[in-house]
Amino acid sequence: MHMSTSAKDESKRSMANPAREKSVNTSMQDILEILEDNIKWWEQAAITCENTAARLPTGEKEGWQLMGAVYRERAGKHTRLVEQFRREHNAAHG
């Protein structure tokens, strides 16, 4: 008897290795932890730049303000990425 491609794929999925699935979940958790750590570092860098800029005269502070804004943007991007990964993971493992 010849199985269709989709039937073969379904059969393979149903026999998925639980250890491999756990490994993928662990890997994703590790990635999320790194991203969450990055969020903290980007936010701290932004605060440091903003505090430094506040003490500088006009003409010197703008570069620090720009770096702070870039670091805040990075923190925001990482936050959105973590949220997206969590939503997708929850949807897949409902």
PDB file of N, CA and C in Angstrom:
ATOM      1  N   MET A   1       0.847  -1.164   0.000  1.00  0.00           N
ATOM      2  CA  MET A   1       0.000   0.000   0.000  1.00  0.00           C
ATOM      3  C   MET A   1       0.901   1.238   0.000  1.00  0.00           C
ATOM      4  N   HIS A   2       0.545   2.216  -0.790  1.00  0.00           N
ATOM      5  CA  HIS A   2       1.333   3.433  -0.965  1.00  0.00           C
ATOM      6  C   HIS A   2       0.679   4.573  -0.164  1.00  0.00           C
ATOM      7  N   MET A   3       1.450   5.200   0.736  1.00  0.00           N
ATOM      8  CA  MET A   3       0.919   6.315   1.548  1.00  0.00           C
ATOM      9  C   MET A   3       1.152   7.618   0.799  1.00  0.00           C
ATOM     10  N   SER A   4       0.212   8.532   0.910  1.00  0.00           N
ATOM     11  CA  SER A   4       0.397   9.847   0.308  1.00  0.00           C
ATOM     12  C   SER A   4       1.469  10.605   1.086  1.00  0.00           C
ATOM     13  N   THR A   5       2.010  11.650   0.476  1.00  0.00           N
ATOM     14  CA  THR A   5       3.047  12.445   1.121  1.00  0.00           C
ATOM     15  C   THR A   5       2.548  13.033   2.429  1.00  0.00           C
ATOM     16  N   SER A   6       1.327  13.575   2.445  1.00  0.00           N
ATOM     17  CA  SER A   6       0.807  14.166   3.674  1.00  0.00           C
ATOM     18  C   SER A   6       0.589  13.103   4.747  1.00  0.00           C
ATOM     19  N   ALA A   7       0.196  11.907   4.362  1.00  0.00           N
ATOM     20  CA  ALA A   7       0.022  10.819   5.335  1.00  0.00           C
ATOM     21  C   ALA A   7       1.376  10.427   5.922  1.00  0.00           C
ATOM     22  N   LYS A   8       2.416  10.387   5.071  1.00  0.00           N
ATOM     23  CA  LYS A   8       3.763  10.075   5.558  1.00  0.00           C
ATOM     24  C   LYS A   8       4.235  11.147   6.541  1.00  0.00           C
ATOM     25  N   ASP A   9       4.009  12.408   6.181  1.00  0.00           N
ATOM     26  CA  ASP A   9       4.412  13.513   7.056  1.00  0.00           C
ATOM     27  C   ASP A   9       3.694  13.421   8.391  1.00  0.00           C
ATOM     28  N   GLU A  10       2.406  13.127   8.356  1.00  0.00           N
ATOM     29  CA  GLU A  10       1.618  13.019   9.587  1.00  0.00           C
ATOM     30  C   GLU A  10       2.124  11.853  10.430  1.00  0.00           C
ATOM     31  N   SER A  11       2.448  10.755   9.771  1.00  0.00           N
ATOM     32  CA  SER A  11       2.965   9.593  10.477  1.00  0.00           C
ATOM     33  C   SER A  11       4.287   9.934  11.168  1.00  0.00           C
ATOM     34  N   LYS A  12       5.148  10.652  10.475  1.00  0.00           N
ATOM     35  CA  LYS A  12       6.426  11.064  11.056  1.00  0.00           C
ATOM     36  C   LYS A  12       6.206  11.981  12.252  1.00  0.00           C
ATOM     37  N   ARG A  13       5.275  12.930  12.122  1.00  0.00           N
ATOM     38  CA  ARG A  13       4.990  13.845  13.224  1.00  0.00           C
ATOM     39  C   ARG A  13       4.439  13.099  14.429  1.00  0.00           C
ATOM     40  N   SER A  14       3.600  12.117  14.195  1.00  0.00           N
ATOM     41  CA  SER A  14       3.001  11.395  15.305  1.00  0.00           C
ATOM     42  C   SER A  14       4.035  10.560  16.046  1.00  0.00           C
ATOM     43  N   MET A  15       5.138  10.226  15.380  1.00  0.00           N
ATOM     44  CA  MET A  15       6.190   9.450  16.018  1.00  0.00           C
ATOM     45  C   MET A  15       7.363  10.349  16.412  1.00  0.00           C
ATOM     46  N   ALA A  16       7.113  11.625  16.572  1.00  0.00           N
ATOM     47  CA  ALA A  16       8.173  12.569  16.902  1.00  0.00           C
ATOM     48  C   ALA A  16       8.871  12.155  18.193  1.00  0.00           C
ATOM     49  N   ASN A  17      10.148  12.358  18.218  1.00  0.00           N
ATOM     50  CA  ASN A  17      10.963  11.990  19.358  1.00  0.00           C
ATOM     51  C   ASN A  17      10.726  13.001  20.487  1.00  0.00           C
ATOM     52  N   PRO A  18      10.173  12.551  21.633  1.00  0.00           N
ATOM     53  CA  PRO A  18       9.920  13.473  22.741  1.00  0.00           C
ATOM     54  C   PRO A  18      11.195  14.147  23.240  1.00  0.00           C
ATOM     55  N   ALA A  19      12.326  13.434  23.217  1.00  0.00           N
ATOM     56  CA  ALA A  19      13.590  14.030  23.660  1.00  0.00           C
ATOM     57  C   ALA A  19      13.988  15.182  22.743  1.00  0.00           C
ATOM     58  N   ARG A  20      13.779  14.999  21.445  1.00  0.00           N
ATOM     59  CA  ARG A  20      14.105  16.065  20.499  1.00  0.00           C
ATOM     60  C   ARG A  20      13.188  17.270  20.711  1.00  0.00           C
ATOM     61  N   GLU A  21      11.906  17.012  20.927  1.00  0.00           N
ATOM     62  CA  GLU A  21      10.962  18.103  21.170  1.00  0.00           C
ATOM     63  C   GLU A  21      11.334  18.855  22.442  1.00  0.00           C
ATOM     64  N   LYS A  22      11.737  18.135  23.490  1.00  0.00           N
ATOM     65  CA  LYS A  22      12.175  18.773  24.727  1.00  0.00           C
ATOM     66  C   LYS A  22      13.426  19.611  24.470  1.00  0.00           C
ATOM     67  N   SER A  23      14.334  19.087  23.626  1.00  0.00           N
ATOM     68  CA  SER A  23      15.548  19.818  23.284  1.00  0.00           C
ATOM     69  C   SER A  23      15.218  21.122  22.571  1.00  0.00           C
ATOM     70  N   VAL A  24      14.263  21.080  21.650  1.00  0.00           N
ATOM     71  CA  VAL A  24      13.850  22.288  20.933  1.00  0.00           C
ATOM     72  C   VAL A  24      13.236  23.277  21.916  1.00  0.00           C
ATOM     73  N   ASN A  25      12.396  22.801  22.833  1.00  0.00           N
ATOM     74  CA  ASN A  25      11.786  23.684  23.833  1.00  0.00           C
ATOM     75  C   ASN A  25      12.849  24.307  24.730  1.00  0.00           C
ATOM     76  N   THR A  26      13.853  23.488  25.118  1.00  0.00           N
ATOM     77  CA  THR A  26      14.937  24.003  25.945  1.00  0.00           C
ATOM     78  C   THR A  26      15.738  25.043  25.176  1.00  0.00           C
ATOM     79  N   SER A  27      16.015  24.770  23.909  1.00  0.00           N
ATOM     80  CA  SER A  27      16.754  25.728  23.088  1.00  0.00           C
ATOM     81  C   SER A  27      15.993  27.040  22.969  1.00  0.00           C
ATOM     82  N   MET A  28      14.683  26.951  22.753  1.00  0.00           N
ATOM     83  CA  MET A  28      13.872  28.170  22.644  1.00  0.00           C
ATOM     84  C   MET A  28      13.889  28.928  23.968  1.00  0.00           C
ATOM     85  N   GLN A  29      13.798  28.202  25.081  1.00  0.00           N
ATOM     86  CA  GLN A  29      13.852  28.854  26.391  1.00  0.00           C
ATOM     87  C   GLN A  29      15.189  29.555  26.580  1.00  0.00           C
ATOM     88  N   ASP A  30      16.279  28.916  26.147  1.00  0.00           N
ATOM     89  CA  ASP A  30      17.604  29.531  26.254  1.00  0.00           C
ATOM     90  C   ASP A  30      17.673  30.813  25.429  1.00  0.00           C
ATOM     91  N   ILE A  31      17.116  30.772  24.232  1.00  0.00           N
ATOM     92  CA  ILE A  31      17.110  31.953  23.364  1.00  0.00           C
ATOM     93  C   ILE A  31      16.297  33.074  24.010  1.00  0.00           C
ATOM     94  N   LEU A  32      15.143  32.737  24.565  1.00  0.00           N
ATOM     95  CA  LEU A  32      14.305  33.748  25.215  1.00  0.00           C
ATOM     96  C   LEU A  32      15.025  34.358  26.413  1.00  0.00           C
ATOM     97  N   GLU A  33      15.751  33.542  27.171  1.00  0.00           N
ATOM     98  CA  GLU A  33      16.501  34.070  28.315  1.00  0.00           C
ATOM     99  C   GLU A  33      17.576  35.054  27.856  1.00  0.00           C
ATOM    100  N   ILE A  34      18.268  34.723  26.775  1.00  0.00           N
ATOM    101  CA  ILE A  34      19.289  35.629  26.244  1.00  0.00           C
ATOM    102  C   ILE A  34      18.655  36.937  25.784  1.00  0.00           C
ATOM    103  N   LEU A  35      17.530  36.835  25.071  1.00  0.00           N
ATOM    104  CA  LEU A  35      16.846  38.039  24.608  1.00  0.00           C
ATOM    105  C   LEU A  35      16.373  38.890  25.785  1.00  0.00           C
ATOM    106  N   GLU A  36      15.850  38.244  26.824  1.00  0.00           N
ATOM    107  CA  GLU A  36      15.391  38.989  27.996  1.00  0.00           C
ATOM    108  C   GLU A  36      16.562  39.666  28.710  1.00  0.00           C
ATOM    109  N   ASP A  37      17.709  38.979  28.789  1.00  0.00           N
ATOM    110  CA  ASP A  37      18.906  39.611  29.349  1.00  0.00           C
ATOM    111  C   ASP A  37      19.320  40.809  28.504  1.00  0.00           C
ATOM    112  N   ASN A  38      19.246  40.661  27.181  1.00  0.00           N
ATOM    113  CA  ASN A  38      19.592  41.775  26.291  1.00  0.00           C
ATOM    114  C   ASN A  38      18.687  42.974  26.532  1.00  0.00           C
ATOM    115  N   ILE A  39      17.404  42.720  26.766  1.00  0.00           N
ATOM    116  CA  ILE A  39      16.471  43.819  27.042  1.00  0.00           C
ATOM    117  C   ILE A  39      16.966  44.619  28.236  1.00  0.00           C
ATOM    118  N   LYS A  40      17.342  43.921  29.296  1.00  0.00           N
ATOM    119  CA  LYS A  40      17.829  44.599  30.511  1.00  0.00           C
ATOM    120  C   LYS A  40      19.086  45.416  30.225  1.00  0.00           C
ATOM    121  N   TRP A  41      20.008  44.833  29.445  1.00  0.00           N
ATOM    122  CA  TRP A  41      21.248  45.544  29.134  1.00  0.00           C
ATOM    123  C   TRP A  41      21.004  46.755  28.240  1.00  0.00           C
ATOM    124  N   TRP A  42      20.144  46.605  27.234  1.00  0.00           N
ATOM    125  CA  TRP A  42      19.843  47.744  26.361  1.00  0.00           C
ATOM    126  C   TRP A  42      19.180  48.859  27.166  1.00  0.00           C
ATOM    127  N   GLU A  43      18.258  48.494  28.061  1.00  0.00           N
ATOM    128  CA  GLU A  43      17.592  49.519  28.879  1.00  0.00           C
ATOM    129  C   GLU A  43      18.585  50.214  29.799  1.00  0.00           C
ATOM    130  N   GLN A  44      19.493  49.438  30.416  1.00  0.00           N
ATOM    131  CA  GLN A  44      20.502  50.041  31.284  1.00  0.00           C
ATOM    132  C   GLN A  44      21.431  50.955  30.491  1.00  0.00           C
ATOM    133  N   ALA A  45      21.792  50.554  29.303  1.00  0.00           N
ATOM    134  CA  ALA A  45      22.637  51.397  28.453  1.00  0.00           C
ATOM    135  C   ALA A  45      21.914  52.698  28.108  1.00  0.00           C
ATOM    136  N   ALA A  46      20.622  52.614  27.830  1.00  0.00           N
ATOM    137  CA  ALA A  46      19.841  53.814  27.515  1.00  0.00           C
ATOM    138  C   ALA A  46      19.816  54.763  28.711  1.00  0.00           C
ATOM    139  N   ILE A  47      19.589  54.222  29.891  1.00  0.00           N
ATOM    140  CA  ILE A  47      19.556  55.049  31.106  1.00  0.00           C
ATOM    141  C   ILE A  47      20.909  55.706  31.335  1.00  0.00           C
ATOM    142  N   THR A  48      21.980  54.962  31.153  1.00  0.00           N
ATOM    143  CA  THR A  48      23.331  55.507  31.339  1.00  0.00           C
ATOM    144  C   THR A  48      23.585  56.658  30.371  1.00  0.00           C
ATOM    145  N   CYS A  49      23.206  56.468  29.113  1.00  0.00           N
ATOM    146  CA  CYS A  49      23.392  57.535  28.114  1.00  0.00           C
ATOM    147  C   CYS A  49      22.543  58.759  28.458  1.00  0.00           C
ATOM    148  N   GLU A  50      21.302  58.534  28.846  1.00  0.00           N
ATOM    149  CA  GLU A  50      20.413  59.657  29.187  1.00  0.00           C
ATOM    150  C   GLU A  50      20.928  60.424  30.400  1.00  0.00           C
ATOM    151  N   ASN A  51      21.406  59.696  31.409  1.00  0.00           N
ATOM    152  CA  ASN A  51      21.957  60.361  32.593  1.00  0.00           C
ATOM    153  C   ASN A  51      23.217  61.138  32.268  1.00  0.00           C
ATOM    154  N   THR A  52      24.043  60.578  31.414  1.00  0.00           N
ATOM    155  CA  THR A  52      25.261  61.273  30.991  1.00  0.00           C
ATOM    156  C   THR A  52      24.905  62.529  30.203  1.00  0.00           C
ATOM    157  N   ALA A  53      23.955  62.404  29.287  1.00  0.00           N
ATOM    158  CA  ALA A  53      23.537  63.549  28.464  1.00  0.00           C
ATOM    159  C   ALA A  53      22.985  64.677  29.329  1.00  0.00           C
ATOM    160  N   ALA A  54      22.285  64.326  30.384  1.00  0.00           N
ATOM    161  CA  ALA A  54      21.677  65.350  31.249  1.00  0.00           C
ATOM    162  C   ALA A  54      22.728  66.230  31.917  1.00  0.00           C
ATOM    163  N   ARG A  55      23.930  65.715  32.085  1.00  0.00           N
ATOM    164  CA  ARG A  55      24.992  66.474  32.753  1.00  0.00           C
ATOM    165  C   ARG A  55      25.873  67.260  31.792  1.00  0.00           C
ATOM    166  N   LEU A  56      25.650  67.083  30.507  1.00  0.00           N
ATOM    167  CA  LEU A  56      26.521  67.720  29.514  1.00  0.00           C
ATOM    168  C   LEU A  56      25.883  68.976  28.927  1.00  0.00           C
ATOM    169  N   PRO A  57      26.706  69.895  28.467  1.00  0.00           N
ATOM    170  CA  PRO A  57      26.177  71.109  27.828  1.00  0.00           C
ATOM    171  C   PRO A  57      25.668  70.796  26.411  1.00  0.00           C
ATOM    172  N   THR A  58      24.816  71.698  25.929  1.00  0.00           N
ATOM    173  CA  THR A  58      24.333  71.572  24.550  1.00  0.00           C
ATOM    174  C   THR A  58      25.540  71.516  23.625  1.00  0.00           C
ATOM    175  N   GLY A  59      25.445  70.693  22.634  1.00  0.00           N
ATOM    176  CA  GLY A  59      26.558  70.508  21.717  1.00  0.00           C
ATOM    177  C   GLY A  59      27.341  69.248  22.040  1.00  0.00           C
ATOM    178  N   GLU A  60      27.302  68.834  23.292  1.00  0.00           N
ATOM    179  CA  GLU A  60      27.970  67.592  23.692  1.00  0.00           C
ATOM    180  C   GLU A  60      26.966  66.502  24.043  1.00  0.00           C
ATOM    181  N   LYS A  61      25.780  66.910  24.454  1.00  0.00           N
ATOM    182  CA  LYS A  61      24.803  65.931  24.928  1.00  0.00           C
ATOM    183  C   LYS A  61      24.069  65.201  23.823  1.00  0.00           C
ATOM    184  N   GLU A  62      23.997  65.804  22.635  1.00  0.00           N
ATOM    185  CA  GLU A  62      23.172  65.230  21.565  1.00  0.00           C
ATOM    186  C   GLU A  62      23.602  63.819  21.153  1.00  0.00           C
ATOM    187  N   GLY A  63      24.885  63.578  21.095  1.00  0.00           N
ATOM    188  CA  GLY A  63      25.379  62.241  20.742  1.00  0.00           C
ATOM    189  C   GLY A  63      24.954  61.202  21.777  1.00  0.00           C
ATOM    190  N   TRP A  64      25.033  61.590  23.055  1.00  0.00           N
ATOM    191  CA  TRP A  64      24.603  60.687  24.127  1.00  0.00           C
ATOM    192  C   TRP A  64      23.096  60.458  24.077  1.00  0.00           C
ATOM    193  N   GLN A  65      22.347  61.509  23.762  1.00  0.00           N
ATOM    194  CA  GLN A  65      20.899  61.357  23.642  1.00  0.00           C
ATOM    195  C   GLN A  65      20.550  60.409  22.493  1.00  0.00           C
ATOM    196  N   LEU A  66      21.267  60.541  21.395  1.00  0.00           N
ATOM    197  CA  LEU A  66      21.039  59.660  20.246  1.00  0.00           C
ATOM    198  C   LEU A  66      21.349  58.201  20.608  1.00  0.00           C
ATOM    199  N   MET A  67      22.480  57.980  21.272  1.00  0.00           N
ATOM    200  CA  MET A  67      22.810  56.611  21.682  1.00  0.00           C
ATOM    201  C   MET A  67      21.737  56.055  22.623  1.00  0.00           C
ATOM    202  N   GLY A  68      21.263  56.881  23.553  1.00  0.00           N
ATOM    203  CA  GLY A  68      20.208  56.442  24.460  1.00  0.00           C
ATOM    204  C   GLY A  68      18.948  56.061  23.713  1.00  0.00           C
ATOM    205  N   ALA A  69      18.601  56.843  22.701  1.00  0.00           N
ATOM    206  CA  ALA A  69      17.406  56.546  21.904  1.00  0.00           C
ATOM    207  C   ALA A  69      17.578  55.243  21.122  1.00  0.00           C
ATOM    208  N   VAL A  70      18.773  55.029  20.588  1.00  0.00           N
ATOM    209  CA  VAL A  70      19.038  53.785  19.848  1.00  0.00           C
ATOM    210  C   VAL A  70      18.948  52.586  20.796  1.00  0.00           C
ATOM    211  N   TYR A  71      19.509  52.717  21.991  1.00  0.00           N
ATOM    212  CA  TYR A  71      19.453  51.614  22.961  1.00  0.00           C
ATOM    213  C   TYR A  71      18.010  51.337  23.389  1.00  0.00           C
ATOM    214  N   ARG A  72      17.216  52.379  23.567  1.00  0.00           N
ATOM    215  CA  ARG A  72      15.796  52.185  23.914  1.00  0.00           C
ATOM    216  C   ARG A  72      15.063  51.467  22.785  1.00  0.00           C
ATOM    217  N   GLU A  73      15.379  51.864  21.556  1.00  0.00           N
ATOM    218  CA  GLU A  73      14.761  51.205  20.400  1.00  0.00           C
ATOM    219  C   GLU A  73      15.126  49.721  20.378  1.00  0.00           C
ATOM    220  N   ARG A  74      16.387  49.410  20.641  1.00  0.00           N
ATOM    221  CA  ARG A  74      16.840  48.017  20.682  1.00  0.00           C
ATOM    222  C   ARG A  74      16.093  47.234  21.765  1.00  0.00           C
ATOM    223  N   ALA A  75      15.950  47.832  22.935  1.00  0.00           N
ATOM    224  CA  ALA A  75      15.217  47.170  24.024  1.00  0.00           C
ATOM    225  C   ALA A  75      13.782  46.892  23.588  1.00  0.00           C
ATOM    226  N   GLY A  76      13.159  47.854  22.913  1.00  0.00           N
ATOM    227  CA  GLY A  76      11.789  47.677  22.433  1.00  0.00           C
ATOM    228  C   GLY A  76      11.684  46.568  21.401  1.00  0.00           C
ATOM    229  N   LYS A  77      12.640  46.509  20.488  1.00  0.00           N
ATOM    230  CA  LYS A  77      12.633  45.461  19.464  1.00  0.00           C
ATOM    231  C   LYS A  77      12.794  44.077  20.102  1.00  0.00           C
ATOM    232  N   HIS A  78      13.693  43.975  21.058  1.00  0.00           N
ATOM    233  CA  HIS A  78      13.883  42.697  21.748  1.00  0.00           C
ATOM    234  C   HIS A  78      12.617  42.315  22.522  1.00  0.00           C
ATOM    235  N   THR A  79      11.982  43.286  23.153  1.00  0.00           N
ATOM    236  CA  THR A  79      10.750  43.015  23.901  1.00  0.00           C
ATOM    237  C   THR A  79       9.677  42.480  22.973  1.00  0.00           C
ATOM    238  N   ARG A  80       9.495  43.116  21.831  1.00  0.00           N
ATOM    239  CA  ARG A  80       8.491  42.651  20.867  1.00  0.00           C
ATOM    240  C   ARG A  80       8.833  41.261  20.330  1.00  0.00           C
ATOM    241  N   LEU A  81      10.111  40.986  20.118  1.00  0.00           N
ATOM    242  CA  LEU A  81      10.535  39.682  19.629  1.00  0.00           C
ATOM    243  C   LEU A  81      10.225  38.588  20.654  1.00  0.00           C
ATOM    244  N   VAL A  82      10.517  38.851  21.920  1.00  0.00           N
ATOM    245  CA  VAL A  82      10.212  37.889  22.984  1.00  0.00           C
ATOM    246  C   VAL A  82       8.704  37.648  23.050  1.00  0.00           C
ATOM    247  N   GLU A  83       7.924  38.721  22.992  1.00  0.00           N
ATOM    248  CA  GLU A  83       6.460  38.574  23.034  1.00  0.00           C
ATOM    249  C   GLU A  83       5.965  37.748  21.852  1.00  0.00           C
ATOM    250  N   GLN A  84       6.519  37.979  20.666  1.00  0.00           N
ATOM    251  CA  GLN A  84       6.121  37.230  19.474  1.00  0.00           C
ATOM    252  C   GLN A  84       6.466  35.747  19.631  1.00  0.00           C
ATOM    253  N   PHE A  85       7.676  35.447  20.087  1.00  0.00           N
ATOM    254  CA  PHE A  85       8.074  34.057  20.297  1.00  0.00           C
ATOM    255  C   PHE A  85       7.155  33.368  21.303  1.00  0.00           C
ATOM    256  N   ARG A  86       6.820  34.072  22.381  1.00  0.00           N
ATOM    257  CA  ARG A  86       5.954  33.481  23.410  1.00  0.00           C
ATOM    258  C   ARG A  86       4.548  33.219  22.848  1.00  0.00           C
ATOM    259  N   ARG A  87       4.008  34.166  22.082  1.00  0.00           N
ATOM    260  CA  ARG A  87       2.680  33.962  21.480  1.00  0.00           C
ATOM    261  C   ARG A  87       2.695  32.767  20.543  1.00  0.00           C
ATOM    262  N   GLU A  88       3.716  32.688  19.692  1.00  0.00           N
ATOM    263  CA  GLU A  88       3.808  31.584  18.737  1.00  0.00           C
ATOM    264  C   GLU A  88       3.984  30.250  19.449  1.00  0.00           C
ATOM    265  N   HIS A  89       4.807  30.244  20.490  1.00  0.00           N
ATOM    266  CA  HIS A  89       5.021  29.010  21.254  1.00  0.00           C
ATOM    267  C   HIS A  89       3.720  28.573  21.938  1.00  0.00           C
ATOM    268  N   ASN A  90       3.028  29.526  22.553  1.00  0.00           N
ATOM    269  CA  ASN A  90       1.768  29.209  23.219  1.00  0.00           C
ATOM    270  C   ASN A  90       0.719  28.727  22.226  1.00  0.00           C
ATOM    271  N   ALA A  91       0.688  29.322  21.058  1.00  0.00           N
ATOM    272  CA  ALA A  91      -0.288  28.901  20.024  1.00  0.00           C
ATOM    273  C   ALA A  91       0.029  27.486  19.536  1.00  0.00           C
ATOM    274  N   ALA A  92       1.313  27.195  19.406  1.00  0.00           N
ATOM    275  CA  ALA A  92       1.721  25.880  18.908  1.00  0.00           C
ATOM    276  C   ALA A  92       1.545  24.777  19.959  1.00  0.00           C
ATOM    277  N   HIS A  93       1.637  25.169  21.231  1.00  0.00           N
ATOM    278  CA  HIS A  93       1.573  24.167  22.296  1.00  0.00           C
ATOM    279  C   HIS A  93       0.340  24.337  23.189  1.00  0.00           C
ATOM    280  N   GLY A  94      -0.566  25.247  22.773  1.00  0.00           N
ATOM    281  CA  GLY A  94      -1.802  25.556  23.432  1.00  0.00           C
ATOM    282  C   GLY A  94      -2.159  24.807  24.578  1.00  0.00           C
TER     283      GLY A  94
END
